[in-house]
């Protein structure tokens, strides 16, 4: 992967998510109370522990059924993640997706609870700051399909997009991140060119 010269700032890209479900955060019996790691000195949850939490939550049929689904856009409800992590239950209508993004300094995991999701990811570590446009080298693209019960964990600065390609079926998934997301960086892509379009803060999605 090579870095091109900085490009002029572009207008912000609109978020792929549309109006979220409202109401109290859903609580699953598998979820630990948030804030434990920060307050008690307990070690931060690992990627494996985040993935295990997401698997348990995804297997909770009552929790999954509690999520309101919208045919027009993604919906989400916040969960209590393990060890102070941030967790979300997300519904994906047919044809929806996130667009390219990363989760900055947070590690994470997600598991498909219903339907099937596809992930496009980059097997390359991007510079964290100070750029607007990157030219990706050949061979960095990865693709995986995650059917019901399947998931994955990922490290810091993982760049990906997640899609529900079904023409007629919702998907539902559970996601967990630690530390709680400080920001999400959104990108546009044209062939090998990846462009930073927008930086979102917690107040933009909570």
Protein backbone atom coordinates (compact mmCIF):
# COMPACT_ATOMS: atom_id res chain seq x y z
CA UNK A 1 0.00 0.00 0.00
CA UNK A 2 1.33 3.41 -0.91
CA UNK A 3 0.24 6.83 0.27
CA UNK A 4 -0.62 9.49 -2.28
CA UNK A 5 -0.26 13.20 -1.78
CA UNK A 6 -2.90 14.70 0.50
CA UNK A 7 -6.05 15.65 -1.38
CA UNK A 8 -8.40 18.56 -0.71
CA UNK A 9 -11.07 17.92 1.87
CA UNK A 10 -14.25 16.43 0.43
CA UNK A 11 -17.84 16.94 1.58
CA UNK A 12 -18.73 14.51 4.37
CA UNK A 13 -20.13 11.18 3.27
CA UNK A 14 -23.54 10.41 4.67
CA UNK A 15 -23.76 7.61 7.19
CA UNK A 16 -25.03 4.28 5.88
CA UNK A 17 -27.18 3.85 8.99
CA UNK A 18 -30.60 5.45 9.04
CA UNK A 19 -32.94 6.12 11.97
CA UNK A 20 -32.20 3.83 14.88
CA UNK A 21 -34.54 2.05 17.20
CA UNK A 22 -35.25 4.04 20.31
CA UNK A 23 -35.89 2.95 23.87
CA UNK A 24 -33.93 1.51 26.75
CA UNK A 25 -30.80 -0.51 26.02
CA UNK A 26 -31.56 -4.20 25.70
CA UNK A 27 -30.14 -6.32 28.47
CA UNK A 28 -29.11 -9.92 27.92
CA UNK A 29 -28.33 -12.36 30.71
CA UNK A 30 -25.02 -12.99 28.97
CA UNK A 31 -23.86 -9.38 29.22
CA UNK A 32 -21.64 -8.10 32.00
CA UNK A 33 -22.24 -4.64 33.42
CA UNK A 34 -20.40 -1.88 31.65
CA UNK A 35 -17.62 0.03 33.37
CA UNK A 36 -16.16 -2.94 35.26
CA UNK A 37 -12.70 -2.74 33.76
CA UNK A 38 -12.35 0.99 34.31
CA UNK A 39 -13.61 1.01 37.88
CA UNK A 40 -12.16 -2.14 39.41
CA UNK A 41 -8.84 -2.50 37.60
CA UNK A 42 -9.96 -5.75 35.92
CA UNK A 43 -8.02 -6.44 32.72
CA UNK A 44 -9.59 -5.10 29.55
CA UNK A 45 -11.50 -7.70 27.54
CA UNK A 46 -9.52 -9.41 24.79
CA UNK A 47 -10.67 -9.89 21.21
CA UNK A 48 -11.47 -13.51 22.09
CA UNK A 49 -13.60 -12.43 25.04
CA UNK A 50 -15.47 -9.89 22.91
CA UNK A 51 -16.14 -12.60 20.34
CA UNK A 52 -17.33 -15.03 23.03
CA UNK A 53 -19.71 -12.38 24.35
CA UNK A 54 -21.06 -11.70 20.86
CA UNK A 55 -21.61 -15.44 20.32
CA UNK A 56 -23.54 -15.79 23.58
CA UNK A 57 -25.69 -12.74 22.86
CA UNK A 58 -26.34 -13.89 19.29
CA UNK A 59 -27.60 -17.22 20.65
CA UNK A 60 -30.11 -15.48 22.96
CA UNK A 61 -33.33 -15.92 20.98
CA UNK A 62 -35.35 -13.58 23.20
CA UNK A 63 -32.78 -10.81 22.84
CA UNK A 64 -32.62 -11.15 19.07
CA UNK A 65 -36.43 -11.16 18.80
CA UNK A 66 -36.61 -7.95 20.88
CA UNK A 67 -34.93 -5.82 18.20
CA UNK A 68 -37.39 -3.74 16.15
CA UNK A 69 -36.71 -4.21 12.43
CA UNK A 70 -37.24 -1.48 9.84
CA UNK A 71 -37.59 -2.30 6.12
CA UNK A 72 -36.07 1.05 5.21
CA UNK A 73 -32.87 1.18 7.25
CA UNK A 74 -30.66 -0.33 9.92
CA UNK A 75 -31.84 -0.32 13.53
CA UNK A 76 -29.77 -0.77 16.67
CA UNK A 77 -30.01 -1.11 20.43
CA UNK A 78 -27.10 -0.74 22.83
CA UNK A 79 -26.17 -3.72 25.04
CA UNK A 80 -24.07 -4.04 28.17
CA UNK A 81 -20.75 -5.43 26.98
CA UNK A 82 -18.18 -7.26 29.10
CA UNK A 83 -15.53 -5.40 31.07
CA UNK A 84 -16.59 -1.90 30.09
CA UNK A 85 -16.84 -2.64 26.38
CA UNK A 86 -19.40 -1.08 24.05
CA UNK A 87 -21.85 -3.50 22.45
CA UNK A 88 -24.70 -3.22 19.96
CA UNK A 89 -27.49 -5.35 18.56
CA UNK A 90 -28.00 -4.33 14.92
CA UNK A 91 -30.72 -5.12 12.39
CA UNK A 92 -29.90 -5.03 8.67
CA UNK A 93 -32.72 -4.77 6.10
CA UNK A 94 -32.21 -6.38 2.69
CA UNK A 95 -29.57 -4.59 0.64
CA UNK A 96 -28.18 -2.48 3.48
CA UNK A 97 -24.55 -1.95 4.44
CA UNK A 98 -22.16 0.20 6.39
CA UNK A 99 -19.85 1.55 3.73
CA UNK A 100 -16.09 1.41 4.30
CA UNK A 101 -15.05 2.43 7.82
CA UNK A 102 -12.81 1.59 10.76
CA UNK A 103 -13.12 1.81 14.55
CA UNK A 104 -9.93 3.74 15.26
CA UNK A 105 -8.12 2.46 18.37
CA UNK A 106 -10.79 -0.05 19.41
CA UNK A 107 -10.56 -3.81 18.92
CA UNK A 108 -13.81 -5.60 18.23
CA UNK A 109 -15.84 -8.62 17.24
CA UNK A 110 -19.20 -9.35 15.67
CA UNK A 111 -21.40 -12.39 15.14
CA UNK A 112 -24.34 -12.89 12.80
CA UNK A 113 -27.42 -13.81 14.83
CA UNK A 114 -29.88 -14.17 11.94
CA UNK A 115 -29.53 -14.19 8.17
CA UNK A 116 -26.12 -13.77 6.56
CA UNK A 117 -23.66 -10.89 6.35
CA UNK A 118 -20.74 -10.33 4.00
CA UNK A 119 -17.57 -8.53 5.07
CA UNK A 120 -15.11 -6.86 2.72
CA UNK A 121 -11.88 -6.04 4.56
CA UNK A 122 -8.36 -4.81 3.93
CA UNK A 123 -5.47 -7.03 4.99
CA UNK A 124 -3.23 -4.01 5.47
CA UNK A 125 -2.50 -1.62 8.29
CA UNK A 126 -3.34 1.93 7.38
CA UNK A 127 -1.61 5.02 8.78
CA UNK A 128 -3.75 6.21 11.66
CA UNK A 129 -3.80 9.94 10.94
CA UNK A 130 -2.49 12.67 8.70
CA UNK A 131 -3.85 11.51 5.33
CA UNK A 132 -6.88 11.98 3.08
CA UNK A 133 -6.21 9.55 0.23
CA UNK A 134 -4.43 6.21 -0.02
CA UNK A 135 -3.64 4.04 -3.01
CA UNK A 136 -3.99 0.38 -2.06
CA UNK A 137 -1.65 -2.24 -3.45
CA UNK A 138 -2.86 -5.45 -5.10
CA UNK A 139 -3.77 -8.38 -2.89
CA UNK A 140 -5.02 -6.50 0.18
CA UNK A 141 -8.72 -7.25 -0.31
CA UNK A 142 -10.38 -9.99 1.72
CA UNK A 143 -13.97 -11.22 1.59
CA UNK A 144 -15.88 -13.53 3.93
CA UNK A 145 -19.48 -14.59 4.36
CA UNK A 146 -20.78 -14.94 7.89
CA UNK A 147 -23.88 -17.09 8.15
CA UNK A 148 -26.02 -17.34 11.29
CA UNK A 149 -23.77 -18.22 14.24
CA UNK A 150 -20.54 -17.24 12.50
CA UNK A 151 -18.42 -14.26 13.47
CA UNK A 152 -14.97 -12.79 13.68
CA UNK A 153 -12.75 -10.63 15.84
CA UNK A 154 -10.45 -7.87 14.61
CA UNK A 155 -7.72 -5.57 15.84
CA UNK A 156 -7.22 -1.82 15.94
CA UNK A 157 -7.67 0.24 12.76
CA UNK A 158 -9.39 -2.64 10.95
CA UNK A 159 -10.90 -1.23 7.74
CA UNK A 160 -13.96 -3.02 6.40
CA UNK A 161 -17.52 -2.80 5.18
CA UNK A 162 -20.37 -5.10 6.20
CA UNK A 163 -23.32 -5.89 3.93
CA UNK A 164 -26.60 -7.75 3.93
CA UNK A 165 -26.86 -8.80 0.30
CA UNK A 166 -30.13 -10.68 0.68
CA UNK A 167 -32.92 -9.41 -1.53
CA UNK A 168 -35.70 -10.32 0.88
CA UNK A 169 -34.40 -11.16 4.36
CA UNK A 170 -33.25 -9.11 7.32
CA UNK A 171 -30.00 -9.98 9.07
CA UNK A 172 -29.27 -9.36 12.75
CA UNK A 173 -25.85 -9.20 14.40
CA UNK A 174 -24.14 -8.51 17.72
CA UNK A 175 -21.05 -6.26 17.89
CA UNK A 176 -18.67 -5.45 20.75
CA UNK A 177 -15.75 -3.00 20.95
CA UNK A 178 -13.11 -2.10 23.50
CA UNK A 179 -12.35 0.56 24.43
CA UNK A 180 -15.77 2.10 23.77
CA UNK A 181 -15.61 3.68 20.33
CA UNK A 182 -13.83 7.06 20.42
CA UNK A 183 -14.59 7.64 16.74
CA UNK A 184 -15.50 5.95 13.48
CA UNK A 185 -13.71 6.98 10.30
CA UNK A 186 -15.71 6.59 7.09
CA UNK A 187 -14.16 6.15 3.66
CA UNK A 188 -15.17 6.13 0.02
CA UNK A 189 -13.45 3.82 -2.42
CA UNK A 190 -12.92 3.89 -6.17
CA UNK A 191 -10.82 0.94 -7.32
CA UNK A 192 -7.54 1.08 -5.39
CA UNK A 193 -8.15 4.62 -4.11
CA UNK A 194 -9.42 4.92 -0.54
CA UNK A 195 -10.45 8.38 0.57
CA UNK A 196 -11.20 9.54 4.12
CA UNK A 197 -14.59 11.27 3.97
CA UNK A 198 -15.88 11.72 7.51
CA UNK A 199 -14.95 11.23 11.16
CA UNK A 200 -17.86 10.44 13.48
CA UNK A 201 -17.83 10.86 17.27
CA UNK A 202 -19.99 9.08 19.85
CA UNK A 203 -22.50 11.94 19.91
CA UNK A 204 -23.22 11.21 16.22
CA UNK A 205 -24.65 7.75 16.85
CA UNK A 206 -25.77 7.61 20.49
